[in-house]
Amino acid sequence: MRFWVAHPGHTRGLRTLLSGIEDLRRVEAVYAGGSPERIGTGRPNLHYPTIDEVREQVELAHSHDVRYDVVVNSTCPLRGEPTRRVLERYDRYLRDLERAGVDGIVAADPIILELAAEYFDRVTVSCLAFVNDPEKAEHYEDVATAITLDTSHNRRFETLEALSRLGMELKVIVNEGCLLDCPYRPFHFNLFSHLYGPDEVSVYDDYYYRRCIADRLRHPELIIKSPWIRPEDLEHYEPYVDAFKISGRSHQVRWIVKVVNAYLEGRWDGNLLDLLDCPRELRDYFYLDNRALDGAIERWKECDHRCHECGFCRELAERALRVREFRRPEAATAGERA
């Protein structure tokens, strides 16, 4: 059972991450986001390493027998510029990463995947390419060595089994908390691709994130339906999956270490939302008792995905999920105020 671990981008953080993981032998690689000044990425990092920093971090990771990957999974890499000019810039950046010793690239756009294949033997198709069946995966066989599954199919074991028969490695993200079959996801990541890319873009309001939170406040069962995978349930995936990806490169290192160790141990006692990457606000409002979820995987493995006819996740939410209590500090007494 191998793991692929988020790295927030700065060298000090990588050193803390590598020293804090309890069983580093099971970590296949760490990954950081690509420079937004050069290509861009689908999610933010806490820090975007320069090429010199990447070179230093590669050496640090390799000294612990861990590979170092860079994620350049922008879903809108061309941004309306002439294609030749864009590709020349991307080509230079990928060549710089290869010279810095980077082991692999993660990308979503077929153009970037094809470019990366010229420099790297290790190329992974991002989850933002939404690969969820063998026919779609076969389009990438000539340029990629691995597929990161469309997260909405994490609990669709017929998809896992079908993809596992291909000659490409299969990876799943275990702790992403996005909505199942999220209607906002393609548009949200297009927004991210502009925010964390070469353009100078700012937004007043993230509509998609706000709707994502509001939907779950109104319908808490959507939290249960989100295709996260519990640490206790990884064994059900081992026959099909080559590596488990820990999401969260925009978080503090201590949080990443906590999450990785929980998945390495294969157990978590407490609020499962504390392990999920997105959205963070939910863990402040809800408590999802992980122990109350024991055994649910057996039902999900047999799920026919007709949520409107089922009700299992709604019933599970009523048992396992509760709104957290917030109490105001008691007012000071007259004597204390004196």
Protein backbone atom coordinates (compact mmCIF):
# COMPACT_ATOMS: atom_id res chain seq x y z
CA MET A 1 0.00 0.00 0.00
CA ARG A 2 1.75 3.13 -1.28
CA PHE A 3 0.95 6.78 -0.57
CA TRP A 4 1.34 9.96 -2.56
CA VAL A 5 1.54 12.92 -0.18
CA ALA A 6 0.78 16.63 -0.54
CA HIS A 7 3.72 19.00 0.01
CA PRO A 8 2.97 22.71 0.68
CA GLY A 9 5.93 23.90 -1.37
CA HIS A 10 8.56 25.33 0.99
CA THR A 11 11.73 23.45 1.90
CA ARG A 12 11.32 23.83 5.65
CA GLY A 13 7.85 22.34 5.37
CA LEU A 14 9.11 19.40 3.33
CA ARG A 15 11.76 18.69 5.94
CA THR A 16 9.10 18.73 8.69
CA LEU A 17 6.82 16.54 6.59
CA LEU A 18 9.46 13.90 5.90
CA SER A 19 10.52 13.77 9.56
CA GLY A 20 6.94 13.65 10.87
CA ILE A 21 5.57 10.75 8.82
CA GLU A 22 5.68 7.62 10.96
CA ASP A 23 6.37 5.06 8.20
CA LEU A 24 8.09 6.89 5.37
CA ARG A 25 8.86 3.60 3.59
CA ARG A 26 5.24 3.48 2.43
CA VAL A 27 5.36 6.95 0.86
CA GLU A 28 5.88 6.71 -2.88
CA ALA A 29 6.23 10.43 -3.53
CA VAL A 30 5.50 13.96 -2.40
CA TYR A 31 3.96 16.46 -4.80
CA ALA A 32 3.82 20.26 -5.01
CA GLY A 33 2.07 22.68 -7.34
CA GLY A 34 3.78 24.16 -10.35
CA SER A 35 4.78 27.82 -10.46
CA PRO A 36 1.80 30.03 -11.34
CA GLU A 37 4.21 32.35 -13.13
CA ARG A 38 5.20 29.56 -15.51
CA ILE A 39 2.22 27.22 -15.97
CA GLY A 40 -0.20 27.23 -13.09
CA THR A 41 -2.09 24.58 -11.22
CA GLY A 42 -5.61 23.55 -10.24
CA ARG A 43 -5.21 24.32 -6.54
CA PRO A 44 -3.16 26.73 -4.44
CA ASN A 45 0.03 25.85 -2.60
CA LEU A 46 1.16 27.62 0.56
CA HIS A 47 4.37 28.36 -1.36
CA TYR A 48 5.40 27.95 -4.99
CA PRO A 49 9.02 26.77 -5.17
CA THR A 50 11.43 28.34 -7.64
CA ILE A 51 13.50 26.03 -9.80
CA ASP A 52 16.42 26.39 -7.37
CA GLU A 53 14.11 25.47 -4.48
CA VAL A 54 12.74 22.54 -6.47
CA ARG A 55 16.29 21.28 -7.01
CA GLU A 56 16.99 21.52 -3.28
CA GLN A 57 13.71 19.80 -2.39
CA VAL A 58 14.28 16.99 -4.88
CA GLU A 59 17.62 16.25 -3.24
CA LEU A 60 15.98 16.31 0.20
CA ALA A 61 13.18 13.94 -0.87
CA HIS A 62 15.61 11.58 -2.61
CA SER A 63 17.77 11.44 0.51
CA HIS A 64 14.73 9.84 2.19
CA ASP A 65 14.08 7.50 -0.79
CA VAL A 66 10.96 9.48 -1.71
CA ARG A 67 10.16 10.71 -5.22
CA TYR A 68 9.25 14.31 -6.02
CA ASP A 69 6.41 15.17 -8.43
CA VAL A 70 5.12 18.53 -9.66
CA VAL A 71 1.44 19.20 -10.39
CA VAL A 72 0.64 21.40 -13.40
CA ASN A 73 -3.03 20.49 -13.73
CA SER A 74 -4.51 23.77 -14.89
CA THR A 75 -7.80 23.11 -16.70
CA CYS A 76 -7.38 26.24 -18.80
CA PRO A 77 -3.68 26.41 -19.70
CA LEU A 78 -3.97 28.28 -23.02
CA ARG A 79 -5.88 31.30 -21.63
CA GLY A 80 -6.62 32.64 -25.09
CA GLU A 81 -2.95 33.14 -25.97
CA PRO A 82 -1.46 31.89 -29.25
CA THR A 83 -0.89 28.18 -28.77
CA ARG A 84 2.70 28.18 -30.06
CA ARG A 85 3.77 30.87 -27.58
CA VAL A 86 2.11 29.06 -24.68
CA LEU A 87 3.61 25.70 -25.59
CA GLU A 88 7.10 27.17 -25.89
CA ARG A 89 6.79 28.63 -22.37
CA TYR A 90 5.49 25.36 -20.97
CA ASP A 91 8.15 23.39 -22.76
CA ARG A 92 10.88 25.51 -21.16
CA TYR A 93 9.35 25.06 -17.71
CA LEU A 94 9.04 21.29 -18.04
CA ARG A 95 12.62 21.12 -19.29
CA ASP A 96 13.75 23.15 -16.26
CA LEU A 97 11.89 20.77 -13.93
CA GLU A 98 13.49 17.77 -15.60
CA ARG A 99 16.96 19.31 -15.19
CA ALA A 100 16.17 19.99 -11.52
CA GLY A 101 15.69 16.25 -11.00
CA VAL A 102 11.88 16.14 -10.70
CA ASP A 103 10.64 12.57 -11.00
CA GLY A 104 7.19 13.09 -12.47
CA ILE A 105 4.50 15.45 -13.67
CA VAL A 106 0.77 15.51 -12.98
CA ALA A 107 -1.37 17.26 -15.60
CA ALA A 108 -4.98 17.45 -16.75
CA ASP A 109 -4.80 18.98 -20.23
CA PRO A 110 -3.79 16.51 -23.01
CA ILE A 111 -1.48 19.15 -24.48
CA ILE A 112 0.54 19.38 -21.26
CA LEU A 113 0.51 15.60 -20.82
CA GLU A 114 1.97 15.14 -24.28
CA LEU A 115 4.66 17.73 -23.61
CA ALA A 116 5.51 16.15 -20.25
CA ALA A 117 5.90 12.73 -21.84
CA GLU A 118 8.85 14.10 -23.84
CA TYR A 119 10.82 14.73 -20.63
CA PHE A 120 9.47 12.35 -17.98
CA ASP A 121 8.98 8.60 -17.74
CA ARG A 122 6.52 9.18 -14.91
CA VAL A 123 3.43 11.12 -16.03
CA THR A 124 0.11 11.04 -14.16
CA VAL A 125 -3.28 12.11 -15.49
CA SER A 126 -4.88 14.46 -12.95
CA CYS A 127 -8.30 13.83 -11.42
CA LEU A 128 -9.32 17.03 -13.21
CA ALA A 129 -9.27 15.12 -16.50
CA PHE A 130 -12.30 13.26 -15.05
CA VAL A 131 -11.20 9.78 -16.12
CA ASN A 132 -13.91 7.38 -14.98
CA ASP A 133 -13.95 4.51 -17.48
CA PRO A 134 -11.43 2.41 -19.47
CA GLU A 135 -12.40 3.95 -22.80
CA LYS A 136 -11.44 7.42 -21.62
CA ALA A 137 -8.28 6.15 -19.92
CA GLU A 138 -7.08 4.52 -23.14
CA HIS A 139 -6.78 7.94 -24.78
CA TYR A 140 -3.87 8.63 -22.41
CA GLU A 141 -1.97 5.36 -22.75
CA ASP A 142 0.63 6.85 -25.12
CA VAL A 143 1.50 9.80 -22.86
CA ALA A 144 0.84 8.74 -19.24
CA THR A 145 1.90 5.98 -16.88
CA ALA A 146 -0.80 6.54 -14.24
CA ILE A 147 -4.39 7.72 -13.85
CA THR A 148 -5.84 9.60 -10.89
CA LEU A 149 -9.46 8.53 -10.76
CA ASP A 150 -12.31 11.00 -11.09
CA THR A 151 -13.12 11.32 -7.39
CA SER A 152 -16.86 10.93 -7.90
CA HIS A 153 -16.15 7.29 -8.81
CA ASN A 154 -14.21 6.49 -5.61
CA ARG A 155 -17.03 4.28 -4.33
CA ARG A 156 -17.98 2.78 -7.70
CA PHE A 157 -16.10 -0.46 -7.46
CA GLU A 158 -17.13 -1.58 -10.92
CA THR A 159 -15.15 1.41 -12.24
CA LEU A 160 -12.16 0.58 -10.04
CA GLU A 161 -12.14 -3.03 -11.22
CA ALA A 162 -12.40 -2.07 -14.90
CA LEU A 163 -9.61 0.51 -14.72
CA SER A 164 -7.36 -1.82 -12.74
CA ARG A 165 -7.21 -4.16 -15.73
CA LEU A 166 -5.43 -1.56 -17.85
CA GLY A 167 -1.67 -1.32 -18.03
CA MET A 168 -1.58 2.04 -16.22
CA GLU A 169 -1.24 2.61 -12.49
CA LEU A 170 -4.44 3.66 -10.75
CA LYS A 171 -4.43 6.26 -7.97
CA VAL A 172 -7.32 7.52 -5.84
CA ILE A 173 -7.62 10.64 -3.68
CA VAL A 174 -8.76 9.50 -0.24
CA ASN A 175 -9.49 12.70 1.67
CA GLU A 176 -11.07 15.14 -0.75
CA GLY A 177 -14.42 16.34 0.56
CA CYS A 178 -15.97 17.72 -2.63
CA LEU A 179 -19.60 17.08 -3.56
CA LEU A 180 -20.43 13.83 -5.31
CA ASP A 181 -20.93 14.53 -9.04
CA CYS A 182 -20.45 18.20 -8.21
CA PRO A 183 -22.18 20.49 -10.74
CA TYR A 184 -19.78 23.34 -9.90
CA ARG A 185 -16.50 21.42 -10.14
CA PRO A 186 -15.44 22.06 -13.79
CA PHE A 187 -16.22 25.77 -13.50
CA HIS A 188 -14.61 26.10 -10.07
CA PHE A 189 -11.34 24.60 -11.26
CA ASN A 190 -11.36 26.82 -14.31
CA LEU A 191 -11.55 29.74 -11.89
CA PHE A 192 -8.67 28.28 -9.86
CA SER A 193 -6.63 27.82 -13.03
CA HIS A 194 -6.82 31.55 -13.67
CA LEU A 195 -6.29 32.56 -10.04
CA TYR A 196 -3.18 30.36 -9.69
CA GLY A 197 -1.77 30.90 -13.16
CA PRO A 198 0.21 33.53 -15.08
CA ASP A 199 -2.76 35.92 -15.26
CA GLU A 200 -3.18 38.61 -12.63
CA VAL A 201 -6.73 37.75 -11.59
CA SER A 202 -8.61 38.45 -8.38
CA VAL A 203 -12.20 37.70 -7.41
CA TYR A 204 -14.47 39.42 -4.97
CA ASP A 205 -16.54 36.33 -4.23
CA ASP A 206 -16.02 32.62 -4.86
CA TYR A 207 -19.57 31.73 -5.86
CA TYR A 208 -18.86 28.01 -6.34
CA TYR A 209 -17.30 27.54 -2.92
CA ARG A 210 -20.11 29.47 -1.27
CA ARG A 211 -22.72 27.29 -2.98
CA CYS A 212 -20.77 24.16 -2.03
CA ILE A 213 -20.97 25.10 1.66
CA ALA A 214 -24.59 26.26 1.50
CA ASP A 215 -25.79 23.06 -0.18
CA ARG A 216 -24.39 20.96 2.65
CA LEU A 217 -25.74 23.18 5.37
CA ARG A 218 -29.18 22.69 3.86
CA HIS A 219 -28.69 18.99 3.08
CA PRO A 220 -26.14 17.45 5.50
CA GLU A 221 -26.46 14.00 3.88
CA LEU A 222 -24.36 15.44 1.03
CA ILE A 223 -21.39 15.27 3.43
CA ILE A 224 -21.88 11.50 3.70
CA LYS A 225 -22.27 11.15 -0.07
CA SER A 226 -18.96 12.95 -0.72
CA PRO A 227 -16.61 10.28 -2.10
CA TRP A 228 -13.98 10.36 0.66
CA ILE A 229 -12.42 7.10 1.79
CA ARG A 230 -11.94 6.37 5.50
CA PRO A 231 -8.53 5.17 6.77
CA GLU A 232 -10.22 1.96 7.94
CA ASP A 233 -11.56 1.20 4.45
CA LEU A 234 -8.32 1.28 2.41
CA GLU A 235 -8.07 -2.51 2.46
CA HIS A 236 -11.18 -2.71 0.27
CA TYR A 237 -9.31 -0.75 -2.42
CA GLU A 238 -6.01 -2.62 -2.37
CA PRO A 239 -7.00 -5.19 -5.04
CA TYR A 240 -7.55 -2.35 -7.53
CA VAL A 241 -5.49 0.69 -6.52
CA ASP A 242 -1.72 1.20 -6.84
CA ALA A 243 -1.38 4.34 -4.69
CA PHE A 244 -3.50 6.46 -2.34
CA LYS A 245 -3.21 10.23 -2.71
CA ILE A 246 -3.38 12.50 0.35
CA SER A 247 -4.82 15.86 -0.70
CA GLY A 248 -4.13 19.16 1.06
CA ARG A 249 -1.14 21.11 -0.27
CA SER A 250 -2.71 24.41 0.79
CA HIS A 251 -2.76 23.30 4.45
CA GLN A 252 -0.18 23.69 7.21
CA VAL A 253 2.39 20.90 7.41
CA ARG A 254 1.27 19.71 10.84
CA TRP A 255 -2.21 19.04 9.45
CA ILE A 256 -0.79 17.06 6.51
CA VAL A 257 1.35 14.99 8.89
CA LYS A 258 -1.69 14.23 11.06
CA VAL A 259 -3.72 13.10 8.06
CA VAL A 260 -0.95 10.96 6.55
CA ASN A 261 -0.30 9.19 9.83
CA ALA A 262 -4.02 8.47 10.30
CA TYR A 263 -4.14 6.78 6.90
CA LEU A 264 -0.89 4.92 7.51
CA GLU A 265 -2.29 3.61 10.79
CA GLY A 266 -5.59 2.75 9.13
CA ARG A 267 -7.70 4.20 11.92
CA TRP A 268 -9.11 7.51 13.09
CA ASP A 269 -11.10 8.09 16.26
CA GLY A 270 -12.83 11.43 16.16
CA ASN A 271 -14.29 13.86 13.65
CA LEU A 272 -13.67 12.49 10.16
CA LEU A 273 -13.99 16.02 8.78
CA ASP A 274 -10.68 16.80 10.50
CA LEU A 275 -8.99 14.66 7.84
CA LEU A 276 -10.75 16.08 4.80
CA ASP A 277 -9.13 18.68 2.58
CA CYS A 278 -12.19 20.58 1.47
CA PRO A 279 -14.19 22.47 2.51
CA ARG A 280 -12.54 23.37 5.80
CA GLU A 281 -15.43 25.35 7.26
CA LEU A 282 -17.57 22.24 7.60
CA ARG A 283 -15.37 20.81 10.35
CA ASP A 284 -16.10 23.88 12.47
CA TYR A 285 -19.85 23.40 12.14
CA PHE A 286 -20.30 19.61 11.98
CA TYR A 287 -18.91 16.64 13.87
CA LEU A 288 -18.85 13.43 11.82
CA ASP A 289 -18.28 10.49 14.17
CA ASN A 290 -15.93 8.18 12.31
CA ARG A 291 -16.77 5.19 14.49
CA ALA A 292 -20.44 5.51 13.54
CA LEU A 293 -19.38 4.91 9.91
CA ASP A 294 -17.95 1.45 10.60
CA GLY A 295 -19.35 -1.03 8.10
CA ALA A 296 -20.88 1.56 5.75
CA ILE A 297 -18.37 0.61 3.05
CA GLU A 298 -20.10 -2.75 2.62
CA ARG A 299 -23.29 -0.97 1.61
CA TRP A 300 -21.44 1.47 -0.65
CA LYS A 301 -19.72 -1.41 -2.45
CA GLU A 302 -23.14 -2.69 -3.47
CA CYS A 303 -24.59 0.77 -4.21
CA ASP A 304 -26.53 1.17 -7.48
CA HIS A 305 -26.07 4.98 -7.33
CA ARG A 306 -29.79 5.74 -7.31
CA CYS A 307 -29.66 8.16 -4.42
CA HIS A 308 -33.13 9.52 -5.07
CA GLU A 309 -34.56 6.03 -4.38
CA CYS A 310 -32.31 4.92 -1.52
CA GLY A 311 -31.98 6.99 1.64
CA PHE A 312 -29.07 5.10 3.22
CA CYS A 313 -26.74 8.12 3.34
CA ARG A 314 -29.51 10.32 4.72
CA GLU A 315 -30.17 7.83 7.51
CA LEU A 316 -26.43 7.52 8.17
CA ALA A 317 -26.11 11.30 8.43
CA GLU A 318 -28.84 11.33 11.07
CA ARG A 319 -26.85 8.82 13.14
CA ALA A 320 -23.27 9.91 12.57
CA LEU A 321 -23.42 13.66 11.97
CA ARG A 322 -24.24 16.35 14.48
CA VAL A 323 -23.99 20.11 14.64
CA ARG A 324 -21.24 21.19 16.98
CA GLU A 325 -22.16 23.19 20.07
CA PHE A 326 -20.68 26.62 20.58
CA ARG A 327 -20.95 28.15 24.01
CA ARG A 328 -20.30 31.75 24.90
CA PRO A 329 -17.78 32.24 27.72
CA GLU A 330 -19.64 32.92 30.93
CA ALA A 331 -19.78 36.59 31.84
CA ALA A 332 -17.30 37.58 34.49
CA THR A 333 -18.69 38.11 37.97
CA ALA A 334 -18.56 41.49 39.65
CA GLY A 335 -15.73 40.28 41.85
CA GLU A 336 -13.72 39.06 38.80
CA ARG A 337 -14.26 42.36 37.01
CA ALA A 338 -13.00 44.20 40.04
